[in-house]
Amino acid sequence: MSRIEKLEELLRENSGDAFLNHALALEYVKTGDDAKAGTIFKNLLEKNEDYVGSYYHLGKLLERSGDETGAITVYKKGMEVAQRLGERHAYNELRAACEYLEF
């Protein structure tokens, strides 16, 4: 059984688990299925906007697809959330990614 299959099985029991959804999206990134990964990241953040790590990965995915404007928007939203939650490390990573695209 692949990692994707295992995660999907676990998600059948608890579809709203943010960690499992994040992990599944990352597995799809590894396989090169950015469309599937993007859908999972977006759904995760719609339901749980405080899952800070997903902003960075969704932003990078958007960058790879050529959507720099979308990536900047995601990074900035993630920065707001990270700042509100006091997540300095996440904030700094998101800021660095955002500044790289803006300059």
Protein backbone atom coordinates (compact mmCIF):
# COMPACT_ATOMS: atom_id res chain seq x y z
CA MET A 1 0.00 0.00 0.00
CA SER A 2 1.43 3.39 -1.01
CA ARG A 3 1.69 6.36 1.34
CA ILE A 4 -1.10 8.07 -0.60
CA GLU A 5 -3.34 5.04 -0.15
CA LYS A 6 -2.57 4.89 3.57
CA LEU A 7 -3.32 8.58 4.05
CA GLU A 8 -6.53 8.33 2.04
CA GLU A 9 -7.60 5.38 4.17
CA LEU A 10 -6.97 7.36 7.36
CA LEU A 11 -8.85 10.32 5.91
CA ARG A 12 -11.90 8.15 5.23
CA GLU A 13 -12.15 7.82 9.02
CA ASN A 14 -11.38 11.47 9.77
CA SER A 15 -11.70 13.61 6.66
CA GLY A 16 -11.21 16.90 8.50
CA ASP A 17 -7.81 16.07 9.97
CA ALA A 18 -5.57 18.98 8.92
CA PHE A 19 -2.31 17.10 9.47
CA LEU A 20 -3.40 14.16 7.33
CA ASN A 21 -4.66 16.45 4.55
CA HIS A 22 -1.40 18.41 4.60
CA ALA A 23 0.60 15.18 4.44
CA LEU A 24 -1.53 13.90 1.55
CA ALA A 25 -1.02 17.12 -0.39
CA LEU A 26 2.74 16.82 0.11
CA GLU A 27 2.65 13.25 -1.20
CA TYR A 28 0.88 14.46 -4.34
CA VAL A 29 3.56 17.16 -4.75
CA LYS A 30 6.19 14.41 -4.61
CA THR A 31 4.43 12.53 -7.40
CA GLY A 32 4.22 15.68 -9.53
CA ASP A 33 0.43 15.99 -9.27
CA ASP A 34 0.38 19.70 -8.40
CA ALA A 35 -3.27 20.06 -9.40
CA LYS A 36 -4.41 17.47 -6.85
CA ALA A 37 -2.03 18.86 -4.21
CA GLY A 38 -3.26 22.40 -4.82
CA THR A 39 -6.88 21.36 -4.42
CA ILE A 40 -6.11 19.65 -1.12
CA PHE A 41 -4.09 22.62 0.20
CA LYS A 42 -6.84 25.07 -0.78
CA ASN A 43 -9.58 22.95 0.81
CA LEU A 44 -7.50 22.51 3.95
CA LEU A 45 -6.94 26.26 4.32
CA GLU A 46 -10.61 27.04 3.67
CA LYS A 47 -11.57 24.78 6.57
CA ASN A 48 -8.59 25.49 8.84
CA GLU A 49 -6.94 28.81 8.03
CA ASP A 50 -4.60 28.49 11.02
CA TYR A 51 -2.68 25.56 9.50
CA VAL A 52 0.28 27.82 8.78
CA GLY A 53 2.60 25.34 7.07
CA SER A 54 0.22 24.86 4.17
CA TYR A 55 0.54 28.50 3.07
CA TYR A 56 4.21 28.07 2.26
CA HIS A 57 3.69 24.86 0.29
CA LEU A 58 0.67 26.19 -1.58
CA GLY A 59 2.63 29.34 -2.43
CA LYS A 60 5.54 27.30 -3.79
CA LEU A 61 3.13 25.21 -5.83
CA LEU A 62 1.63 28.36 -7.33
CA GLU A 63 5.11 29.69 -8.09
CA ARG A 64 5.98 26.48 -9.97
CA SER A 65 2.82 26.82 -12.03
CA GLY A 66 3.75 30.41 -12.97
CA ASP A 67 1.12 32.11 -10.80
CA GLU A 68 3.40 34.53 -8.96
CA THR A 69 0.52 36.88 -8.09
CA GLY A 70 -1.40 34.01 -6.53
CA ALA A 71 1.69 32.89 -4.64
CA ILE A 72 2.24 36.39 -3.23
CA THR A 73 -1.40 36.52 -2.11
CA VAL A 74 -1.04 33.15 -0.35
CA TYR A 75 2.24 34.14 1.28
CA LYS A 76 0.76 37.40 2.59
CA LYS A 77 -2.30 35.64 3.99
CA GLY A 78 0.01 33.11 5.64
CA MET A 79 2.09 35.92 7.10
CA GLU A 80 -1.02 37.46 8.65
CA VAL A 81 -2.02 34.14 10.19
CA ALA A 82 1.51 33.37 11.40
CA GLN A 83 1.80 36.80 13.00
CA ARG A 84 -1.57 36.43 14.73
CA LEU A 85 -0.54 33.02 16.08
CA GLY A 86 2.93 34.17 17.13
CA GLU A 87 4.61 31.75 14.73
CA ARG A 88 7.80 33.73 14.08
CA HIS A 89 9.66 31.04 12.15
CA ALA A 90 6.74 30.46 9.77
CA TYR A 91 6.27 34.22 9.39
CA ASN A 92 9.93 34.69 8.44
CA GLU A 93 9.85 31.86 5.88
CA LEU A 94 6.70 33.24 4.28
CA ARG A 95 8.08 36.78 4.26
CA ALA A 96 11.32 35.63 2.60
CA ALA A 97 9.39 33.75 -0.10
CA CYS A 98 7.11 36.72 -0.68
CA GLU A 99 9.95 39.25 -0.83
CA TYR A 100 11.81 37.09 -3.33
CA LEU A 101 8.87 37.35 -5.72
CA GLU A 102 8.18 41.02 -5.12
CA PHE A 103 11.71 42.21 -5.87
